[in-house]
C-alpha atoms as a PDB file:
ATOM      1  CA  GLU A   1     -31.702   5.985  -9.964  1.00  0.00           C
ATOM      2  CA  VAL A   2     -31.648   3.117  -7.502  1.00  0.00           C
ATOM      3  CA  TYR A   3     -33.885   0.158  -8.203  1.00  0.00           C
ATOM      4  CA  PRO A   4     -34.741  -2.433  -5.546  1.00  0.00           C
ATOM      5  CA  ALA A   5     -33.007  -5.780  -5.944  1.00  0.00           C
ATOM      6  CA  GLY A   6     -32.720  -9.032  -3.991  1.00  0.00           C
ATOM      7  CA  GLY A   7     -29.362  -9.541  -2.419  1.00  0.00           C
ATOM      8  CA  GLU A   8     -29.723 -12.856  -0.581  1.00  0.00           C
ATOM      9  CA  GLY A   9     -26.683 -14.259  -2.389  1.00  0.00           C
ATOM     10  CA  LEU A  10     -24.502 -11.344  -1.304  1.00  0.00           C
ATOM     11  CA  LEU A  11     -25.658 -11.735   2.265  1.00  0.00           C
ATOM     12  CA  GLN A  12     -25.003 -15.466   2.282  1.00  0.00           C
ATOM     13  CA  MET A  13     -21.552 -14.980   0.748  1.00  0.00           C
ATOM     14  CA  GLN A  14     -20.462 -12.956   3.776  1.00  0.00           C
ATOM     15  CA  LYS A  15     -21.570 -15.578   6.289  1.00  0.00           C
ATOM     16  CA  PHE A  16     -18.724 -18.035   5.605  1.00  0.00           C
ATOM     17  CA  PHE A  17     -17.012 -17.252   8.924  1.00  0.00           C
ATOM     18  CA  ILE A  18     -15.208 -20.575   8.899  1.00  0.00           C
ATOM     19  CA  SER A  19     -13.110 -19.216   5.979  1.00  0.00           C
ATOM     20  CA  ASP A  20     -11.784 -16.467   8.279  1.00  0.00           C
ATOM     21  CA  VAL A  21     -10.828 -19.056  10.938  1.00  0.00           C
ATOM     22  CA  PHE A  22      -9.263 -21.293   8.275  1.00  0.00           C
ATOM     23  CA  LEU A  23      -7.272 -18.337   6.909  1.00  0.00           C
ATOM     24  CA  LEU A  24      -5.998 -17.551  10.409  1.00  0.00           C
ATOM     25  CA  VAL A  25      -4.961 -21.173  11.005  1.00  0.00           C
ATOM     26  CA  LEU A  26      -3.302 -21.367   7.605  1.00  0.00           C
ATOM     27  CA  VAL A  27      -1.301 -18.148   8.159  1.00  0.00           C
ATOM     28  CA  CYS A  28      -0.243 -19.324  11.633  1.00  0.00           C
ATOM     29  CA  PHE A  29       0.836 -22.669  10.274  1.00  0.00           C
ATOM     30  CA  LEU A  30       2.930 -21.120   7.469  1.00  0.00           C
ATOM     31  CA  SER A  31       4.523 -18.541   9.749  1.00  0.00           C
ATOM     32  CA  PHE A  32       5.307 -20.824  12.659  1.00  0.00           C
ATOM     33  CA  GLN A  33       6.486 -23.626  10.428  1.00  0.00           C
ATOM     34  CA  LEU A  34       8.919 -21.364   8.630  1.00  0.00           C
ATOM     35  CA  PHE A  35      10.262 -19.271  11.571  1.00  0.00           C
ATOM     36  CA  GLY A  36       9.823 -21.876  14.294  1.00  0.00           C
ATOM     37  CA  LEU A  37      11.576 -24.581  12.330  1.00  0.00           C
ATOM     38  CA  ASP A  38      14.467 -22.244  11.508  1.00  0.00           C
ATOM     39  CA  ALA A  39      14.850 -21.311  15.181  1.00  0.00           C
ATOM     40  CA  SER A  40      14.533 -24.815  16.568  1.00  0.00           C
ATOM     41  CA  THR A  41      17.109 -26.334  14.155  1.00  0.00           C
ATOM     42  CA  GLY A  42      19.528 -23.447  14.500  1.00  0.00           C
ATOM     43  CA  ILE A  43      19.688 -22.912  10.716  1.00  0.00           C
ATOM     44  CA  ASN A  44      18.905 -19.239  11.122  1.00  0.00           C
ATOM     45  CA  LYS A  45      22.183 -18.672  12.966  1.00  0.00           C
ATOM     46  CA  ILE A  46      24.107 -20.211  10.088  1.00  0.00           C
ATOM     47  CA  ILE A  47      22.170 -18.234   7.518  1.00  0.00           C
ATOM     48  CA  ASN A  48      22.624 -14.960   9.401  1.00  0.00           C
ATOM     49  CA  ALA A  49      26.385 -15.542   9.405  1.00  0.00           C
ATOM     50  CA  THR A  50      26.584 -15.503   5.603  1.00  0.00           C
ATOM     51  CA  PRO A  51      27.200 -12.136   3.834  1.00  0.00           C
ATOM     52  CA  ARG A  52      23.778 -11.979   2.157  1.00  0.00           C
ATOM     53  CA  GLY A  53      21.824 -14.230   4.471  1.00  0.00           C
ATOM     54  CA  GLY A  54      20.411 -12.155   7.277  1.00  0.00           C
ATOM     55  CA  ARG A  55      17.996  -9.421   6.260  1.00  0.00           C
ATOM     56  CA  ARG A  56      17.683 -10.508   2.665  1.00  0.00           C
ATOM     57  CA  LEU A  57      16.476 -13.975   3.605  1.00  0.00           C
ATOM     58  CA  LEU A  58      14.132 -12.569   6.208  1.00  0.00           C
ATOM     59  CA  LEU A  59      12.542 -10.247   3.627  1.00  0.00           C
ATOM     60  CA  VAL A  60      12.157 -13.140   1.163  1.00  0.00           C
ATOM     61  CA  GLN A  61      10.530 -15.292   3.885  1.00  0.00           C
ATOM     62  CA  VAL A  62       8.171 -12.488   4.924  1.00  0.00           C
ATOM     63  CA  GLY A  63       7.279 -11.785   1.305  1.00  0.00           C
ATOM     64  CA  LEU A  64       6.707 -15.446   0.540  1.00  0.00           C
ATOM     65  CA  VAL A  65       4.398 -16.040   3.479  1.00  0.00           C
ATOM     66  CA  GLY A  66       2.572 -12.758   2.710  1.00  0.00           C
ATOM     67  CA  LEU A  67       2.109 -13.764  -0.920  1.00  0.00           C
ATOM     68  CA  CYS A  68       0.866 -17.223   0.083  1.00  0.00           C
ATOM     69  CA  ALA A  69      -1.592 -15.647   2.498  1.00  0.00           C
ATOM     70  CA  VAL A  70      -2.933 -13.302  -0.170  1.00  0.00           C
ATOM     71  CA  LEU A  71      -3.279 -16.161  -2.683  1.00  0.00           C
ATOM     72  CA  CYS A  72      -4.980 -18.372  -0.106  1.00  0.00           C
ATOM     73  CA  ALA A  73      -7.400 -15.542   0.726  1.00  0.00           C
ATOM     74  CA  PHE A  74      -8.165 -15.092  -2.975  1.00  0.00           C
ATOM     75  CA  LEU A  75      -8.790 -18.819  -3.342  1.00  0.00           C
ATOM     76  CA  LEU A  76     -10.875 -19.109  -0.156  1.00  0.00           C
ATOM     77  CA  TYR A  77     -13.078 -16.071  -0.660  1.00  0.00           C
ATOM     78  CA  GLY A  78     -13.195 -16.479  -4.432  1.00  0.00           C
ATOM     79  CA  SER A  79     -14.512 -19.988  -3.979  1.00  0.00           C
ATOM     80  CA  ASN A  80     -17.071 -18.689  -1.480  1.00  0.00           C
ATOM     81  CA  LEU A  81     -18.157 -16.160  -4.091  1.00  0.00           C
ATOM     82  CA  LEU A  82     -18.378 -18.780  -6.805  1.00  0.00           C
ATOM     83  CA  GLN A  83     -20.229 -21.220  -4.593  1.00  0.00           C
ATOM     84  CA  THR A  84     -22.741 -18.589  -3.540  1.00  0.00           C
ATOM     85  CA  SER A  85     -23.308 -17.391  -7.098  1.00  0.00           C
ATOM     86  CA  LEU A  86     -24.023 -20.950  -8.203  1.00  0.00           C
ATOM     87  CA  LEU A  87     -26.257 -21.960  -5.315  1.00  0.00           C
ATOM     88  CA  ALA A  88     -27.997 -18.766  -4.176  1.00  0.00           C
ATOM     89  CA  GLY A  89     -27.438 -16.468  -7.107  1.00  0.00           C
ATOM     90  CA  LEU A  90     -26.093 -12.900  -7.189  1.00  0.00           C
ATOM     91  CA  PRO A  91     -27.758  -9.741  -8.475  1.00  0.00           C
ATOM     92  CA  ALA A  92     -26.666  -8.340 -11.816  1.00  0.00           C
ATOM     93  CA  LEU A  93     -23.089  -7.054 -11.694  1.00  0.00           C
ATOM     94  CA  SER A  94     -24.210  -3.653 -12.970  1.00  0.00           C
ATOM     95  CA  GLN A  95     -26.926  -3.343 -10.280  1.00  0.00           C
ATOM     96  CA  ASP A  96     -26.425  -0.445  -7.854  1.00  0.00           C
ATOM     97  CA  ILE A  97     -25.562  -1.915  -4.454  1.00  0.00           C
ATOM     98  CA  HIS A  98     -27.838   0.595  -2.644  1.00  0.00           C
ATOM     99  CA  GLY A  99     -30.859  -1.113  -4.226  1.00  0.00           C
ATOM    100  CA  ILE A 100     -30.265  -4.015  -1.846  1.00  0.00           C
ATOM    101  CA  ALA A 101     -31.734  -3.203   1.571  1.00  0.00           C
ATOM    102  CA  ALA A 102     -28.887  -4.760   3.587  1.00  0.00           C
ATOM    103  CA  PHE A 103     -26.265  -2.683   1.730  1.00  0.00           C
ATOM    104  CA  GLN A 104     -27.804   0.789   1.942  1.00  0.00           C
ATOM    105  CA  ASN A 105     -25.300   1.853   4.605  1.00  0.00           C
ATOM    106  CA  ILE A 106     -22.330   1.826   2.164  1.00  0.00           C
ATOM    107  CA  PRO A 107     -21.136   5.430   2.052  1.00  0.00           C
ATOM    108  CA  TYR A 108     -20.188   5.555  -1.610  1.00  0.00           C
ATOM    109  CA  ALA A 109     -21.943   4.757  -4.900  1.00  0.00           C
ATOM    110  CA  CYS A 110     -20.936   1.410  -6.340  1.00  0.00           C
ATOM    111  CA  THR A 111     -22.288  -1.462  -8.364  1.00  0.00           C
ATOM    112  CA  THR A 112     -22.402  -5.081  -7.320  1.00  0.00           C
ATOM    113  CA  LEU A 113     -19.219  -5.755  -9.256  1.00  0.00           C
ATOM    114  CA  GLN A 114     -17.381  -2.899  -7.531  1.00  0.00           C
ATOM    115  CA  TYR A 115     -18.575  -4.150  -4.155  1.00  0.00           C
ATOM    116  CA  LEU A 116     -17.396  -7.694  -4.899  1.00  0.00           C
ATOM    117  CA  LEU A 117     -13.975  -6.390  -5.973  1.00  0.00           C
ATOM    118  CA  THR A 118     -13.830  -4.305  -2.762  1.00  0.00           C
ATOM    119  CA  TYR A 119     -14.830  -7.418  -0.776  1.00  0.00           C
ATOM    120  CA  LEU A 120     -12.102  -9.546  -2.323  1.00  0.00           C
ATOM    121  CA  GLY A 121      -9.545  -6.733  -2.065  1.00  0.00           C
ATOM    122  CA  TRP A 122     -10.285  -6.150   1.597  1.00  0.00           C
ATOM    123  CA  LYS A 123     -10.003  -9.829   2.357  1.00  0.00           C
ATOM    124  CA  MET A 124      -6.623 -10.040   0.643  1.00  0.00           C
ATOM    125  CA  TRP A 125      -5.354  -6.962   2.515  1.00  0.00           C
ATOM    126  CA  TYR A 126      -6.660  -8.539   5.694  1.00  0.00           C
ATOM    127  CA  ALA A 127      -4.739 -11.731   4.929  1.00  0.00           C
ATOM    128  CA  LEU A 128      -1.565  -9.755   4.230  1.00  0.00           C
ATOM    129  CA  GLY A 129      -1.844  -7.727   7.484  1.00  0.00           C
ATOM    130  CA  LEU A 130      -2.643 -10.873   9.441  1.00  0.00           C
ATOM    131  CA  SER A 131       0.357 -12.688   8.008  1.00  0.00           C
ATOM    132  CA  LEU A 132       2.678  -9.782   8.829  1.00  0.00           C
ATOM    133  CA  LEU A 133       1.398  -9.692  12.403  1.00  0.00           C
ATOM    134  CA  VAL A 134       1.738 -13.447  12.924  1.00  0.00           C
ATOM    135  CA  GLN A 135       5.166 -13.523  11.287  1.00  0.00           C
ATOM    136  CA  MET A 136       6.381 -10.721  13.540  1.00  0.00           C
ATOM    137  CA  LEU A 137       5.210 -12.617  16.596  1.00  0.00           C
ATOM    138  CA  ALA A 138       6.717 -15.881  15.354  1.00  0.00           C
ATOM    139  CA  TYR A 139      10.040 -14.242  14.473  1.00  0.00           C
ATOM    140  CA  LYS A 140      10.413 -12.261  17.731  1.00  0.00           C
ATOM    141  CA  LEU A 141       9.598 -15.264  19.914  1.00  0.00           C
ATOM    142  CA  GLN A 142      11.327 -17.749  17.572  1.00  0.00           C
ATOM    143  CA  GLY A 143       8.233 -19.876  17.148  1.00  0.00           C
ATOM    144  CA  ALA A 144       8.153 -20.862  20.812  1.00  0.00           C
ATOM    145  CA  LYS A 145       5.075 -22.101  22.639  1.00  0.00           C
ATOM    146  CA  LEU A 146       4.689 -18.654  24.171  1.00  0.00           C
ATOM    147  CA  SER A 147       3.992 -17.180  20.734  1.00  0.00           C
ATOM    148  CA  TRP A 148       1.307 -19.837  20.113  1.00  0.00           C
ATOM    149  CA  GLY A 149      -0.196 -18.984  23.490  1.00  0.00           C
ATOM    150  CA  ILE A 150      -0.204 -15.247  22.849  1.00  0.00           C
ATOM    151  CA  LEU A 151      -1.805 -15.753  19.451  1.00  0.00           C
ATOM    152  CA  GLY A 152      -4.375 -18.176  20.880  1.00  0.00           C
ATOM    153  CA  VAL A 153      -5.405 -15.774  23.635  1.00  0.00           C
ATOM    154  CA  ALA A 154      -5.571 -12.850  21.201  1.00  0.00           C
ATOM    155  CA  SER A 155      -7.671 -14.888  18.735  1.00  0.00           C
ATOM    156  CA  ALA A 156     -10.054 -16.071  21.455  1.00  0.00           C
ATOM    157  CA  ALA A 157     -10.430 -12.548  22.880  1.00  0.00           C
ATOM    158  CA  SER A 158     -10.984 -11.130  19.360  1.00  0.00           C
ATOM    159  CA  PHE A 159     -13.609 -13.716  18.583  1.00  0.00           C
ATOM    160  CA  LEU A 160     -15.450 -13.058  21.847  1.00  0.00           C
ATOM    161  CA  LEU A 161     -15.378  -9.314  21.332  1.00  0.00           C
ATOM    162  CA  TRP A 162     -16.614  -9.658  17.767  1.00  0.00           C
ATOM    163  CA  PHE A 163     -19.292 -12.208  18.577  1.00  0.00           C
ATOM    164  CA  TYR A 164     -20.705 -10.959  21.889  1.00  0.00           C
ATOM    165  CA  LEU A 165     -20.342  -7.165  21.900  1.00  0.00           C
ATOM    166  CA  PRO A 166     -23.474  -5.371  20.682  1.00  0.00           C
ATOM    167  CA  ALA A 167     -23.234  -3.244  17.542  1.00  0.00           C
ATOM    168  CA  ASN A 168     -23.858   0.056  19.359  1.00  0.00           C
ATOM    169  CA  PRO A 169     -21.654   3.105  18.664  1.00  0.00           C
ATOM    170  CA  ILE A 170     -19.773   2.904  21.959  1.00  0.00           C
ATOM    171  CA  ALA A 171     -18.727  -0.750  21.639  1.00  0.00           C
ATOM    172  CA  LYS A 172     -18.271  -0.702  17.881  1.00  0.00           C
ATOM    173  CA  ILE A 173     -14.581   0.198  18.003  1.00  0.00           C
ATOM    174  CA  PHE A 174     -13.815  -2.791  20.222  1.00  0.00           C
ATOM    175  CA  ARG A 175     -16.048  -5.071  18.190  1.00  0.00           C
ATOM    176  CA  TYR A 176     -14.410  -4.425  14.830  1.00  0.00           C
ATOM    177  CA  LEU A 177     -10.818  -3.459  15.587  1.00  0.00           C
ATOM    178  CA  ASN A 178      -9.540  -6.934  16.371  1.00  0.00           C
ATOM    179  CA  LEU A 179      -8.401 -10.075  14.455  1.00  0.00           C
ATOM    180  CA  PHE A 180     -11.883 -11.345  13.657  1.00  0.00           C
ATOM    181  CA  GLY A 181     -13.675  -7.995  13.488  1.00  0.00           C
ATOM    182  CA  LEU A 182     -11.473  -6.721  10.651  1.00  0.00           C
ATOM    183  CA  ALA A 183     -12.457  -9.787   8.607  1.00  0.00           C
ATOM    184  CA  ASP A 184     -16.138  -8.687   8.729  1.00  0.00           C
ATOM    185  CA  THR A 185     -16.077  -6.867   5.417  1.00  0.00           C
ATOM    186  CA  ALA A 186     -19.743  -5.928   5.390  1.00  0.00           C
ATOM    187  CA  GLU A 187     -19.393  -3.917   8.615  1.00  0.00           C
ATOM    188  CA  VAL A 188     -15.964  -2.482   7.814  1.00  0.00           C
ATOM    189  CA  VAL A 189     -16.963  -1.248   4.364  1.00  0.00           C
ATOM    190  CA  GLY A 190     -20.369  -0.150   5.568  1.00  0.00           C
END
């Protein structure tokens, strides 16, 4: 049975949009610092000339930035969760999520704890995917200003699509399949 519950804390937790922007900036900084610095100093040519330097180092760099992005996402969104639970309160962790009116569109049965784990898991996967995308762009264009421009235009367009498009069925695919739309866990999971 589903019992009604207040979910103001869960709703407030998902409104920290500045965390999404901060995560994007952090991933861009890590990626462009690593790949752009290697390309501008020419150290990548020296490393690629060594017997074990080329692909192995690239995989280590990609893995390191991906791991840092996942850990930063866990810290950012975990602190949002902790802050919200202390200030606004959360429903009981064993409470069925469908008892909260704003979360009745979730297509599977879950408790508040399962939803919070899904929320954190999605944000960490989002951070990993974002870091891989940004690293690919930084590596292919060697951290040049063109890569910053492409990422800036894509981020601005994504934000405008996510913020201004209505949530109707026709525009929904363009609203949520972009850099900022995929970070909106409530809509993606729901």
